[in-house]
């Protein structure tokens, strides 16, 4: 199967997702996808960790966004989430090197509760 065959099937390589822009429904760019977090046992994508910069690019934060909360918009060539910048600022975040928190079910529950999303583990 070639890369174009895979793209036609609706599948995408994680390398192509990383760096993709993330917008809110108003069309404001919120950040970009830093990486995907995949459940090792089910193979399901659990999160897109989004990189979000503060004022003038200072204070970059990373937010785990439940994968089901993101929708690809072909016209934007990016993902859309139903969040304002303020809601994203208030979302649970990760410091670089602290991705291990995503294995802590209590932390994951705060993330999924914030986004009002169905947990991937149910």
PDB file of N, CA and C in Angstrom:
ATOM      1  N   UNK A   1       0.856  -1.173   0.000  1.00  0.00           N
ATOM      2  CA  UNK A   1       0.000   0.000   0.000  1.00  0.00           C
ATOM      3  C   UNK A   1       0.902   1.237   0.000  1.00  0.00           C
ATOM      4  N   UNK A   2       0.649   2.162  -0.909  1.00  0.00           N
ATOM      5  CA  UNK A   2       1.447   3.379  -0.989  1.00  0.00           C
ATOM      6  C   UNK A   2       0.909   4.437  -0.042  1.00  0.00           C
ATOM      7  N   UNK A   3       1.679   5.508   0.140  1.00  0.00           N
ATOM      8  CA  UNK A   3       1.249   6.607   1.009  1.00  0.00           C
ATOM      9  C   UNK A   3      -0.053   7.218   0.505  1.00  0.00           C
ATOM     10  N   UNK A   4      -0.202   7.366  -0.809  1.00  0.00           N
ATOM     11  CA  UNK A   4      -1.440   7.945  -1.346  1.00  0.00           C
ATOM     12  C   UNK A   4      -2.622   7.003  -1.139  1.00  0.00           C
ATOM     13  N   UNK A   5      -2.378   5.665  -1.185  1.00  0.00           N
ATOM     14  CA  UNK A   5      -3.442   4.705  -0.906  1.00  0.00           C
ATOM     15  C   UNK A   5      -3.905   4.824   0.540  1.00  0.00           C
ATOM     16  N   UNK A   6      -2.941   5.001   1.457  1.00  0.00           N
ATOM     17  CA  UNK A   6      -3.278   5.146   2.875  1.00  0.00           C
ATOM     18  C   UNK A   6      -4.091   6.413   3.083  1.00  0.00           C
ATOM     19  N   UNK A   7      -3.662   7.530   2.487  1.00  0.00           N
ATOM     20  CA  UNK A   7      -4.380   8.801   2.641  1.00  0.00           C
ATOM     21  C   UNK A   7      -5.803   8.676   2.098  1.00  0.00           C
ATOM     22  N   UNK A   8      -5.968   7.972   0.999  1.00  0.00           N
ATOM     23  CA  UNK A   8      -7.299   7.805   0.405  1.00  0.00           C
ATOM     24  C   UNK A   8      -8.202   6.980   1.306  1.00  0.00           C
ATOM     25  N   UNK A   9      -7.610   6.104   2.132  1.00  0.00           N
ATOM     26  CA  UNK A   9      -8.424   5.252   3.002  1.00  0.00           C
ATOM     27  C   UNK A   9      -8.905   5.987   4.246  1.00  0.00           C
ATOM     28  N   UNK A  10      -8.424   7.216   4.471  1.00  0.00           N
ATOM     29  CA  UNK A  10      -8.810   7.969   5.660  1.00  0.00           C
ATOM     30  C   UNK A  10      -7.815   7.839   6.794  1.00  0.00           C
ATOM     31  N   UNK A  11      -6.728   7.087   6.593  1.00  0.00           N
ATOM     32  CA  UNK A  11      -5.705   6.940   7.618  1.00  0.00           C
ATOM     33  C   UNK A  11      -4.620   7.990   7.409  1.00  0.00           C
ATOM     34  N   UNK A  12      -3.917   8.319   8.488  1.00  0.00           N
ATOM     35  CA  UNK A  12      -2.836   9.292   8.395  1.00  0.00           C
ATOM     36  C   UNK A  12      -1.704   8.860   9.316  1.00  0.00           C
ATOM     37  N   UNK A  13      -0.494   9.097   8.900  1.00  0.00           N
ATOM     38  CA  UNK A  13       0.671   8.799   9.717  1.00  0.00           C
ATOM     39  C   UNK A  13       0.746   9.790  10.876  1.00  0.00           C
ATOM     40  N   UNK A  14       1.167   9.323  12.039  1.00  0.00           N
ATOM     41  CA  UNK A  14       1.301  10.226  13.185  1.00  0.00           C
ATOM     42  C   UNK A  14       2.295  11.337  12.882  1.00  0.00           C
ATOM     43  N   UNK A  15       3.272  11.082  12.040  1.00  0.00           N
ATOM     44  CA  UNK A  15       4.248  12.116  11.679  1.00  0.00           C
ATOM     45  C   UNK A  15       3.585  13.280  10.963  1.00  0.00           C
ATOM     46  N   UNK A  16       2.522  13.000  10.219  1.00  0.00           N
ATOM     47  CA  UNK A  16       1.817  14.080   9.523  1.00  0.00           C
ATOM     48  C   UNK A  16       0.900  14.858  10.462  1.00  0.00           C
ATOM     49  N   UNK A  17       0.482  14.242  11.563  1.00  0.00           N
ATOM     50  CA  UNK A  17      -0.384  14.924  12.535  1.00  0.00           C
ATOM     51  C   UNK A  17       0.443  15.877  13.393  1.00  0.00           C
ATOM     52  N   UNK A  18       1.647  15.449  13.769  1.00  0.00           N
ATOM     53  CA  UNK A  18       2.506  16.283  14.600  1.00  0.00           C
ATOM     54  C   UNK A  18       2.849  17.574  13.861  1.00  0.00           C
ATOM     55  N   UNK A  19       2.639  18.689  14.527  1.00  0.00           N
ATOM     56  CA  UNK A  19       2.884  20.000  13.924  1.00  0.00           C
ATOM     57  C   UNK A  19       1.664  20.611  13.255  1.00  0.00           C
ATOM     58  N   UNK A  20       0.579  19.839  13.126  1.00  0.00           N
ATOM     59  CA  UNK A  20      -0.636  20.352  12.492  1.00  0.00           C
ATOM     60  C   UNK A  20      -1.288  21.389  13.393  1.00  0.00           C
ATOM     61  N   UNK A  21      -1.763  22.461  12.792  1.00  0.00           N
ATOM     62  CA  UNK A  21      -2.396  23.553  13.536  1.00  0.00           C
ATOM     63  C   UNK A  21      -3.709  23.102  14.172  1.00  0.00           C
ATOM     64  N   UNK A  22      -4.031  23.724  15.311  1.00  0.00           N
ATOM     65  CA  UNK A  22      -5.292  23.499  16.006  1.00  0.00           C
ATOM     66  C   UNK A  22      -5.986  24.852  16.139  1.00  0.00           C
ATOM     67  N   UNK A  23      -7.256  24.891  15.740  1.00  0.00           N
ATOM     68  CA  UNK A  23      -8.059  26.115  15.748  1.00  0.00           C
ATOM     69  C   UNK A  23      -9.267  25.933  16.653  1.00  0.00           C
ATOM     70  N   UNK A  24      -9.843  27.044  17.103  1.00  0.00           N
ATOM     71  CA  UNK A  24     -11.150  26.959  17.752  1.00  0.00           C
ATOM     72  C   UNK A  24     -12.209  27.173  16.686  1.00  0.00           C
ATOM     73  N   UNK A  25     -13.481  27.054  17.048  1.00  0.00           N
ATOM     74  CA  UNK A  25     -14.554  27.144  16.054  1.00  0.00           C
ATOM     75  C   UNK A  25     -14.661  28.544  15.453  1.00  0.00           C
ATOM     76  N   UNK A  26     -14.089  29.559  16.117  1.00  0.00           N
ATOM     77  CA  UNK A  26     -14.084  30.915  15.569  1.00  0.00           C
ATOM     78  C   UNK A  26     -12.973  31.107  14.539  1.00  0.00           C
ATOM     79  N   UNK A  27     -12.125  30.086  14.368  1.00  0.00           N
ATOM     80  CA  UNK A  27     -11.049  30.159  13.390  1.00  0.00           C
ATOM     81  C   UNK A  27      -9.735  30.680  13.936  1.00  0.00           C
ATOM     82  N   UNK A  28      -9.663  30.950  15.250  1.00  0.00           N
ATOM     83  CA  UNK A  28      -8.414  31.413  15.853  1.00  0.00           C
ATOM     84  C   UNK A  28      -7.469  30.231  16.012  1.00  0.00           C
ATOM     85  N   UNK A  29      -6.219  30.424  15.639  1.00  0.00           N
ATOM     86  CA  UNK A  29      -5.232  29.363  15.846  1.00  0.00           C
ATOM     87  C   UNK A  29      -4.878  29.332  17.326  1.00  0.00           C
ATOM     88  N   UNK A  30      -5.040  28.149  17.934  1.00  0.00           N
ATOM     89  CA  UNK A  30      -4.748  27.977  19.356  1.00  0.00           C
ATOM     90  C   UNK A  30      -3.347  27.435  19.598  1.00  0.00           C
ATOM     91  N   UNK A  31      -2.836  26.661  18.669  1.00  0.00           N
ATOM     92  CA  UNK A  31      -1.537  26.026  18.828  1.00  0.00           C
ATOM     93  C   UNK A  31      -1.351  24.973  17.769  1.00  0.00           C
ATOM     94  N   UNK A  32      -0.576  23.950  18.091  1.00  0.00           N
ATOM     95  CA  UNK A  32      -0.359  22.855  17.146  1.00  0.00           C
ATOM     96  C   UNK A  32      -0.199  21.545  17.911  1.00  0.00           C
ATOM     97  N   UNK A  33      -0.356  20.452  17.198  1.00  0.00           N
ATOM     98  CA  UNK A  33      -0.217  19.126  17.803  1.00  0.00           C
ATOM     99  C   UNK A  33       1.265  18.840  18.008  1.00  0.00           C
ATOM    100  N   UNK A  34       1.644  18.574  19.252  1.00  0.00           N
ATOM    101  CA  UNK A  34       3.022  18.230  19.592  1.00  0.00           C
ATOM    102  C   UNK A  34       3.251  16.744  19.343  1.00  0.00           C
ATOM    103  N   UNK A  35       2.343  15.906  19.846  1.00  0.00           N
ATOM    104  CA  UNK A  35       2.457  14.461  19.649  1.00  0.00           C
ATOM    105  C   UNK A  35       1.116  13.801  19.941  1.00  0.00           C
ATOM    106  N   UNK A  36       1.019  12.543  19.579  1.00  0.00           N
ATOM    107  CA  UNK A  36      -0.157  11.737  19.900  1.00  0.00           C
ATOM    108  C   UNK A  36       0.221  10.759  20.998  1.00  0.00           C
ATOM    109  N   UNK A  37      -0.726  10.500  21.892  1.00  0.00           N
ATOM    110  CA  UNK A  37      -0.525   9.506  22.937  1.00  0.00           C
ATOM    111  C   UNK A  37      -1.493   8.360  22.638  1.00  0.00           C
ATOM    112  N   UNK A  38      -0.939   7.157  22.499  1.00  0.00           N
ATOM    113  CA  UNK A  38      -1.708   5.985  22.084  1.00  0.00           C
ATOM    114  C   UNK A  38      -1.733   4.968  23.213  1.00  0.00           C
ATOM    115  N   UNK A  39      -2.921   4.440  23.498  1.00  0.00           N
ATOM    116  CA  UNK A  39      -3.044   3.381  24.503  1.00  0.00           C
ATOM    117  C   UNK A  39      -2.357   2.132  23.950  1.00  0.00           C
ATOM    118  N   UNK A  40      -1.348   1.630  24.656  1.00  0.00           N
ATOM    119  CA  UNK A  40      -0.557   0.497  24.169  1.00  0.00           C
ATOM    120  C   UNK A  40      -1.369  -0.776  24.008  1.00  0.00           C
ATOM    121  N   UNK A  41      -2.366  -0.965  24.855  1.00  0.00           N
ATOM    122  CA  UNK A  41      -3.107  -2.222  24.791  1.00  0.00           C
ATOM    123  C   UNK A  41      -4.231  -2.188  23.766  1.00  0.00           C
ATOM    124  N   UNK A  42      -4.982  -1.094  23.709  1.00  0.00           N
ATOM    125  CA  UNK A  42      -6.109  -1.046  22.774  1.00  0.00           C
ATOM    126  C   UNK A  42      -5.704  -0.525  21.398  1.00  0.00           C
ATOM    127  N   UNK A  43      -4.587   0.223  21.340  1.00  0.00           N
ATOM    128  CA  UNK A  43      -4.174   0.829  20.081  1.00  0.00           C
ATOM    129  C   UNK A  43      -4.927   2.114  19.771  1.00  0.00           C
ATOM    130  N   UNK A  44      -5.802   2.527  20.651  1.00  0.00           N
ATOM    131  CA  UNK A  44      -6.634   3.715  20.441  1.00  0.00           C
ATOM    132  C   UNK A  44      -5.839   4.983  20.752  1.00  0.00           C
ATOM    133  N   UNK A  45      -5.989   6.005  19.909  1.00  0.00           N
ATOM    134  CA  UNK A  45      -5.385   7.303  20.209  1.00  0.00           C
ATOM    135  C   UNK A  45      -6.172   7.893  21.371  1.00  0.00           C
ATOM    136  N   UNK A  46      -5.483   8.205  22.444  1.00  0.00           N
ATOM    137  CA  UNK A  46      -6.123   8.744  23.643  1.00  0.00           C
ATOM    138  C   UNK A  46      -6.093  10.272  23.645  1.00  0.00           C
ATOM    139  N   UNK A  47      -4.961  10.845  23.261  1.00  0.00           N
ATOM    140  CA  UNK A  47      -4.778  12.296  23.320  1.00  0.00           C
ATOM    141  C   UNK A  47      -3.972  12.792  22.139  1.00  0.00           C
ATOM    142  N   UNK A  48      -4.206  14.037  21.805  1.00  0.00           N
ATOM    143  CA  UNK A  48      -3.262  14.819  21.029  1.00  0.00           C
ATOM    144  C   UNK A  48      -2.719  15.819  22.041  1.00  0.00           C
ATOM    145  N   UNK A  49      -1.426  15.790  22.281  1.00  0.00           N
ATOM    146  CA  UNK A  49      -0.839  16.777  23.180  1.00  0.00           C
ATOM    147  C   UNK A  49      -0.608  18.017  22.337  1.00  0.00           C
ATOM    148  N   UNK A  50      -1.257  19.100  22.742  1.00  0.00           N
ATOM    149  CA  UNK A  50      -1.225  20.334  21.982  1.00  0.00           C
ATOM    150  C   UNK A  50      -0.249  21.317  22.601  1.00  0.00           C
ATOM    151  N   UNK A  51       0.565  21.914  21.765  1.00  0.00           N
ATOM    152  CA  UNK A  51       1.495  22.942  22.198  1.00  0.00           C
ATOM    153  C   UNK A  51       0.786  24.284  22.039  1.00  0.00           C
ATOM    154  N   UNK A  52       0.792  25.079  23.094  1.00  0.00           N
ATOM    155  CA  UNK A  52       0.051  26.337  23.138  1.00  0.00           C
ATOM    156  C   UNK A  52       0.970  27.401  23.717  1.00  0.00           C
ATOM    157  N   UNK A  53       1.226  28.459  22.955  1.00  0.00           N
ATOM    158  CA  UNK A  53       2.128  29.515  23.420  1.00  0.00           C
ATOM    159  C   UNK A  53       1.369  30.611  24.125  1.00  0.00           C
ATOM    160  N   UNK A  54       1.998  31.173  25.115  1.00  0.00           N
ATOM    161  CA  UNK A  54       1.443  32.332  25.819  1.00  0.00           C
ATOM    162  C   UNK A  54       1.677  33.591  25.018  1.00  0.00           C
ATOM    163  N   UNK A  55       1.589  34.707  25.652  1.00  0.00           N
ATOM    164  CA  UNK A  55       1.752  36.012  25.018  1.00  0.00           C
ATOM    165  C   UNK A  55       3.112  36.116  24.335  1.00  0.00           C
ATOM    166  N   UNK A  56       3.115  36.489  23.047  1.00  0.00           N
ATOM    167  CA  UNK A  56       4.328  36.642  22.235  1.00  0.00           C
ATOM    168  C   UNK A  56       5.198  35.392  22.202  1.00  0.00           C
ATOM    169  N   UNK A  57       4.552  34.234  22.330  1.00  0.00           N
ATOM    170  CA  UNK A  57       5.274  32.965  22.248  1.00  0.00           C
ATOM    171  C   UNK A  57       5.986  32.563  23.519  1.00  0.00           C
ATOM    172  N   UNK A  58       5.815  33.337  24.579  1.00  0.00           N
ATOM    173  CA  UNK A  58       6.465  33.019  25.849  1.00  0.00           C
ATOM    174  C   UNK A  58       5.575  32.101  26.673  1.00  0.00           C
ATOM    175  N   UNK A  59       6.180  31.311  27.508  1.00  0.00           N
ATOM    176  CA  UNK A  59       5.410  30.455  28.415  1.00  0.00           C
ATOM    177  C   UNK A  59       4.668  29.345  27.711  1.00  0.00           C
ATOM    178  N   UNK A  60       5.331  28.668  26.769  1.00  0.00           N
ATOM    179  CA  UNK A  60       4.672  27.588  26.034  1.00  0.00           C
ATOM    180  C   UNK A  60       4.185  26.509  27.000  1.00  0.00           C
ATOM    181  N   UNK A  61       2.952  26.079  26.774  1.00  0.00           N
ATOM    182  CA  UNK A  61       2.351  25.015  27.574  1.00  0.00           C
ATOM    183  C   UNK A  61       1.947  23.883  26.652  1.00  0.00           C
ATOM    184  N   UNK A  62       1.771  22.726  27.248  1.00  0.00           N
ATOM    185  CA  UNK A  62       1.280  21.567  26.498  1.00  0.00           C
ATOM    186  C   UNK A  62       0.032  21.058  27.201  1.00  0.00           C
ATOM    187  N   UNK A  63      -0.991  20.851  26.408  1.00  0.00           N
ATOM    188  CA  UNK A  63      -2.282  20.401  26.929  1.00  0.00           C
ATOM    189  C   UNK A  63      -2.671  19.093  26.267  1.00  0.00           C
ATOM    190  N   UNK A  64      -2.982  18.065  27.060  1.00  0.00           N
ATOM    191  CA  UNK A  64      -3.512  16.839  26.471  1.00  0.00           C
ATOM    192  C   UNK A  64      -4.987  17.059  26.131  1.00  0.00           C
ATOM    193  N   UNK A  65      -5.317  16.919  24.863  1.00  0.00           N
ATOM    194  CA  UNK A  65      -6.692  17.095  24.411  1.00  0.00           C
ATOM    195  C   UNK A  65      -7.222  15.730  23.997  1.00  0.00           C
ATOM    196  N   UNK A  66      -8.338  15.286  24.572  1.00  0.00           N
ATOM    197  CA  UNK A  66      -8.888  13.996  24.156  1.00  0.00           C
ATOM    198  C   UNK A  66      -9.051  13.946  22.633  1.00  0.00           C
ATOM    199  N   UNK A  67      -8.570  12.892  22.031  1.00  0.00           N
ATOM    200  CA  UNK A  67      -8.588  12.781  20.578  1.00  0.00           C
ATOM    201  C   UNK A  67     -10.001  12.948  20.014  1.00  0.00           C
ATOM    202  N   UNK A  68     -10.988  12.421  20.712  1.00  0.00           N
ATOM    203  CA  UNK A  68     -12.372  12.534  20.244  1.00  0.00           C
ATOM    204  C   UNK A  68     -12.922  13.952  20.293  1.00  0.00           C
ATOM    205  N   UNK A  69     -12.205  14.878  20.933  1.00  0.00           N
ATOM    206  CA  UNK A  69     -12.640  16.277  21.017  1.00  0.00           C
ATOM    207  C   UNK A  69     -12.126  17.102  19.848  1.00  0.00           C
ATOM    208  N   UNK A  70     -11.354  16.471  18.976  1.00  0.00           N
ATOM    209  CA  UNK A  70     -10.764  17.179  17.842  1.00  0.00           C
ATOM    210  C   UNK A  70     -11.379  16.682  16.542  1.00  0.00           C
ATOM    211  N   UNK A  71     -11.640  17.611  15.650  1.00  0.00           N
ATOM    212  CA  UNK A  71     -12.173  17.267  14.335  1.00  0.00           C
ATOM    213  C   UNK A  71     -11.295  17.886  13.262  1.00  0.00           C
ATOM    214  N   UNK A  72     -10.945  17.086  12.262  1.00  0.00           N
ATOM    215  CA  UNK A  72     -10.112  17.600  11.180  1.00  0.00           C
ATOM    216  C   UNK A  72     -10.963  18.433  10.234  1.00  0.00           C
ATOM    217  N   UNK A  73     -10.479  19.613   9.885  1.00  0.00           N
ATOM    218  CA  UNK A  73     -11.158  20.506   8.938  1.00  0.00           C
ATOM    219  C   UNK A  73     -10.246  20.667   7.732  1.00  0.00           C
ATOM    220  N   UNK A  74     -10.635  20.048   6.637  1.00  0.00           N
ATOM    221  CA  UNK A  74      -9.814  20.055   5.424  1.00  0.00           C
ATOM    222  C   UNK A  74      -9.558  21.470   4.926  1.00  0.00           C
ATOM    223  N   UNK A  75     -10.549  22.355   5.042  1.00  0.00           N
ATOM    224  CA  UNK A  75     -10.377  23.730   4.545  1.00  0.00           C
ATOM    225  C   UNK A  75      -9.333  24.505   5.353  1.00  0.00           C
ATOM    226  N   UNK A  76      -9.133  24.135   6.608  1.00  0.00           N
ATOM    227  CA  UNK A  76      -8.136  24.794   7.460  1.00  0.00           C
ATOM    228  C   UNK A  76      -6.811  24.030   7.456  1.00  0.00           C
ATOM    229  N   UNK A  77      -6.840  22.795   6.922  1.00  0.00           N
ATOM    230  CA  UNK A  77      -5.685  21.909   6.981  1.00  0.00           C
ATOM    231  C   UNK A  77      -5.209  21.803   8.423  1.00  0.00           C
ATOM    232  N   UNK A  78      -6.189  21.671   9.320  1.00  0.00           N
ATOM    233  CA  UNK A  78      -5.884  21.585  10.738  1.00  0.00           C
ATOM    234  C   UNK A  78      -7.053  21.016  11.505  1.00  0.00           C
ATOM    235  N   UNK A  79      -6.857  20.890  12.801  1.00  0.00           N
ATOM    236  CA  UNK A  79      -7.887  20.350  13.685  1.00  0.00           C
ATOM    237  C   UNK A  79      -8.640  21.484  14.360  1.00  0.00           C
ATOM    238  N   UNK A  80      -9.905  21.232  14.649  1.00  0.00           N
ATOM    239  CA  UNK A  80     -10.765  22.220  15.305  1.00  0.00           C
ATOM    240  C   UNK A  80     -11.260  21.632  16.614  1.00  0.00           C
ATOM    241  N   UNK A  81     -11.201  22.444  17.665  1.00  0.00           N
ATOM    242  CA  UNK A  81     -11.731  22.069  18.973  1.00  0.00           C
ATOM    243  C   UNK A  81     -12.729  23.134  19.392  1.00  0.00           C
ATOM    244  N   UNK A  82     -13.707  22.728  20.167  1.00  0.00           N
ATOM    245  CA  UNK A  82     -14.732  23.661  20.649  1.00  0.00           C
ATOM    246  C   UNK A  82     -14.266  24.311  21.946  1.00  0.00           C
ATOM    247  N   UNK A  83     -13.210  25.118  21.851  1.00  0.00           N
ATOM    248  CA  UNK A  83     -12.633  25.785  23.011  1.00  0.00           C
ATOM    249  C   UNK A  83     -12.261  27.218  22.662  1.00  0.00           C
ATOM    250  N   UNK A  84     -12.394  28.082  23.618  1.00  0.00           N
ATOM    251  CA  UNK A  84     -11.846  29.430  23.459  1.00  0.00           C
ATOM    252  C   UNK A  84     -10.414  29.391  23.986  1.00  0.00           C
ATOM    253  N   UNK A  85      -9.663  30.451  23.745  1.00  0.00           N
ATOM    254  CA  UNK A  85      -8.302  30.523  24.286  1.00  0.00           C
ATOM    255  C   UNK A  85      -8.339  30.482  25.809  1.00  0.00           C
ATOM    256  N   UNK A  86      -9.321  31.136  26.419  1.00  0.00           N
ATOM    257  CA  UNK A  86      -9.441  31.144  27.882  1.00  0.00           C
ATOM    258  C   UNK A  86      -9.721  29.740  28.419  1.00  0.00           C
ATOM    259  N   UNK A  87     -10.595  28.996  27.741  1.00  0.00           N
ATOM    260  CA  UNK A  87     -10.897  27.625  28.177  1.00  0.00           C
ATOM    261  C   UNK A  87      -9.660  26.742  28.056  1.00  0.00           C
ATOM    262  N   UNK A  88      -8.881  26.957  27.008  1.00  0.00           N
ATOM    263  CA  UNK A  88      -7.657  26.185  26.852  1.00  0.00           C
ATOM    264  C   UNK A  88      -6.658  26.552  27.943  1.00  0.00           C
ATOM    265  N   UNK A  89      -6.553  27.830  28.258  1.00  0.00           N
ATOM    266  CA  UNK A  89      -5.655  28.268  29.336  1.00  0.00           C
ATOM    267  C   UNK A  89      -6.006  27.581  30.659  1.00  0.00           C
ATOM    268  N   UNK A  90      -7.312  27.371  30.894  1.00  0.00           N
ATOM    269  CA  UNK A  90      -7.770  26.760  32.152  1.00  0.00           C
ATOM    270  C   UNK A  90      -7.698  25.236  32.136  1.00  0.00           C
ATOM    271  N   UNK A  91      -7.393  24.646  30.999  1.00  0.00           N
ATOM    272  CA  UNK A  91      -7.357  23.189  30.869  1.00  0.00           C
ATOM    273  C   UNK A  91      -6.137  22.615  31.584  1.00  0.00           C
ATOM    274  N   UNK A  92      -6.229  21.350  32.021  1.00  0.00           N
ATOM    275  CA  UNK A  92      -5.057  20.697  32.612  1.00  0.00           C
ATOM    276  C   UNK A  92      -3.891  20.739  31.616  1.00  0.00           C
ATOM    277  N   UNK A  93      -2.699  21.005  32.117  1.00  0.00           N
ATOM    278  CA  UNK A  93      -1.559  21.061  31.210  1.00  0.00           C
ATOM    279  C   UNK A  93      -0.440  20.160  31.695  1.00  0.00           C
ATOM    280  N   UNK A  94       0.551  20.026  30.842  1.00  0.00           N
ATOM    281  CA  UNK A  94       1.720  19.192  31.122  1.00  0.00           C
ATOM    282  C   UNK A  94       2.966  20.045  30.949  1.00  0.00           C
ATOM    283  N   UNK A  95       3.902  19.901  31.839  1.00  0.00           N
ATOM    284  CA  UNK A  95       5.206  20.518  31.636  1.00  0.00           C
ATOM    285  C   UNK A  95       6.033  19.570  30.786  1.00  0.00           C
ATOM    286  N   UNK A  96       6.974  20.105  30.003  1.00  0.00           N
ATOM    287  CA  UNK A  96       7.826  19.202  29.219  1.00  0.00           C
ATOM    288  C   UNK A  96       8.455  18.147  30.134  1.00  0.00           C
ATOM    289  N   UNK A  97       8.452  16.917  29.688  1.00  0.00           N
ATOM    290  CA  UNK A  97       9.025  15.824  30.463  1.00  0.00           C
ATOM    291  C   UNK A  97       8.084  15.223  31.487  1.00  0.00           C
ATOM    292  N   UNK A  98       6.847  15.718  31.570  1.00  0.00           N
ATOM    293  CA  UNK A  98       5.885  15.189  32.546  1.00  0.00           C
ATOM    294  C   UNK A  98       4.750  14.407  31.893  1.00  0.00           C
ATOM    295  N   UNK A  99       5.007  13.840  30.738  1.00  0.00           N
ATOM    296  CA  UNK A  99       3.960  13.111  30.043  1.00  0.00           C
ATOM    297  C   UNK A  99       3.523  11.866  30.797  1.00  0.00           C
ATOM    298  N   UNK A 100       4.323  11.436  31.780  1.00  0.00           N
ATOM    299  CA  UNK A 100       3.969  10.280  32.590  1.00  0.00           C
ATOM    300  C   UNK A 100       2.672  10.473  33.355  1.00  0.00           C
ATOM    301  N   UNK A 101       2.269  11.740  33.576  1.00  0.00           N
ATOM    302  CA  UNK A 101       0.995  12.013  34.250  1.00  0.00           C
ATOM    303  C   UNK A 101      -0.173  11.392  33.490  1.00  0.00           C
ATOM    304  N   UNK A 102       0.007  11.227  32.183  1.00  0.00           N
ATOM    305  CA  UNK A 102      -1.085  10.688  31.380  1.00  0.00           C
ATOM    306  C   UNK A 102      -1.371   9.232  31.702  1.00  0.00           C
ATOM    307  N   UNK A 103      -0.496   8.576  32.444  1.00  0.00           N
ATOM    308  CA  UNK A 103      -0.764   7.218  32.902  1.00  0.00           C
ATOM    309  C   UNK A 103      -1.468   7.173  34.249  1.00  0.00           C
ATOM    310  N   UNK A 104      -1.651   8.335  34.852  1.00  0.00           N
ATOM    311  CA  UNK A 104      -2.311   8.450  36.153  1.00  0.00           C
ATOM    312  C   UNK A 104      -3.807   8.670  35.911  1.00  0.00           C
ATOM    313  N   UNK A 105      -4.620   7.673  36.244  1.00  0.00           N
ATOM    314  CA  UNK A 105      -6.054   7.721  35.937  1.00  0.00           C
ATOM    315  C   UNK A 105      -6.745   8.935  36.553  1.00  0.00           C
ATOM    316  N   UNK A 106      -6.349   9.348  37.753  1.00  0.00           N
ATOM    317  CA  UNK A 106      -6.966  10.531  38.383  1.00  0.00           C
ATOM    318  C   UNK A 106      -6.702  11.777  37.541  1.00  0.00           C
ATOM    319  N   UNK A 107      -5.472  11.920  37.040  1.00  0.00           N
ATOM    320  CA  UNK A 107      -5.148  13.063  36.182  1.00  0.00           C
ATOM    321  C   UNK A 107      -5.943  12.980  34.874  1.00  0.00           C
ATOM    322  N   UNK A 108      -5.983  11.779  34.295  1.00  0.00           N
ATOM    323  CA  UNK A 108      -6.724  11.602  33.040  1.00  0.00           C
ATOM    324  C   UNK A 108      -8.202  11.949  33.219  1.00  0.00           C
ATOM    325  N   UNK A 109      -8.760  11.601  34.355  1.00  0.00           N
ATOM    326  CA  UNK A 109     -10.167  11.931  34.615  1.00  0.00           C
ATOM    327  C   UNK A 109     -10.376  13.442  34.647  1.00  0.00           C
ATOM    328  N   UNK A 110      -9.409  14.203  35.189  1.00  0.00           N
ATOM    329  CA  UNK A 110      -9.560  15.668  35.192  1.00  0.00           C
ATOM    330  C   UNK A 110      -9.527  16.210  33.769  1.00  0.00           C
ATOM    331  N   UNK A 111      -8.697  15.618  32.925  1.00  0.00           N
ATOM    332  CA  UNK A 111      -8.617  16.052  31.529  1.00  0.00           C
ATOM    333  C   UNK A 111      -9.941  15.795  30.821  1.00  0.00           C
ATOM    334  N   UNK A 112     -10.434  14.563  30.907  1.00  0.00           N
ATOM    335  CA  UNK A 112     -11.669  14.214  30.200  1.00  0.00           C
ATOM    336  C   UNK A 112     -12.872  14.958  30.770  1.00  0.00           C
ATOM    337  N   UNK A 113     -12.870  15.229  32.063  1.00  0.00           N
ATOM    338  CA  UNK A 113     -13.952  16.012  32.668  1.00  0.00           C
ATOM    339  C   UNK A 113     -13.919  17.437  32.136  1.00  0.00           C
ATOM    340  N   UNK A 114     -12.740  18.031  32.054  1.00  0.00           N
ATOM    341  CA  UNK A 114     -12.616  19.412  31.559  1.00  0.00           C
ATOM    342  C   UNK A 114     -13.190  19.540  30.150  1.00  0.00           C
ATOM    343  N   UNK A 115     -12.907  18.570  29.311  1.00  0.00           N
ATOM    344  CA  UNK A 115     -13.368  18.620  27.916  1.00  0.00           C
ATOM    345  C   UNK A 115     -14.753  18.013  27.724  1.00  0.00           C
ATOM    346  N   UNK A 116     -15.344  17.528  28.818  1.00  0.00           N
ATOM    347  CA  UNK A 116     -16.671  16.884  28.753  1.00  0.00           C
ATOM    348  C   UNK A 116     -16.679  15.795  27.686  1.00  0.00           C
ATOM    349  N   UNK A 117     -15.629  14.975  27.714  1.00  0.00           N
ATOM    350  CA  UNK A 117     -15.455  13.932  26.707  1.00  0.00           C
ATOM    351  C   UNK A 117     -15.597  12.553  27.333  1.00  0.00           C
ATOM    352  N   UNK A 118     -16.002  11.607  26.529  1.00  0.00           N
ATOM    353  CA  UNK A 118     -16.104  10.208  26.943  1.00  0.00           C
ATOM    354  C   UNK A 118     -14.692   9.652  27.093  1.00  0.00           C
ATOM    355  N   UNK A 119     -14.308   9.150  28.261  1.00  0.00           N
ATOM    356  CA  UNK A 119     -12.957   8.609  28.443  1.00  0.00           C
ATOM    357  C   UNK A 119     -12.672   7.451  27.490  1.00  0.00           C
ATOM    358  N   UNK A 120     -11.469   7.427  26.966  1.00  0.00           N
ATOM    359  CA  UNK A 120     -11.089   6.392  26.008  1.00  0.00           C
ATOM    360  C   UNK A 120     -11.052   5.006  26.638  1.00  0.00           C
ATOM    361  N   UNK A 121     -10.893   4.923  27.962  1.00  0.00           N
ATOM    362  CA  UNK A 121     -10.740   3.630  28.625  1.00  0.00           C
ATOM    363  C   UNK A 121     -12.074   2.969  28.953  1.00  0.00           C
ATOM    364  N   UNK A 122     -13.189   3.640  28.722  1.00  0.00           N
ATOM    365  CA  UNK A 122     -14.503   3.039  29.014  1.00  0.00           C
ATOM    366  C   UNK A 122     -14.993   2.191  27.862  1.00  0.00           C
TER     367      UNK A 122
END
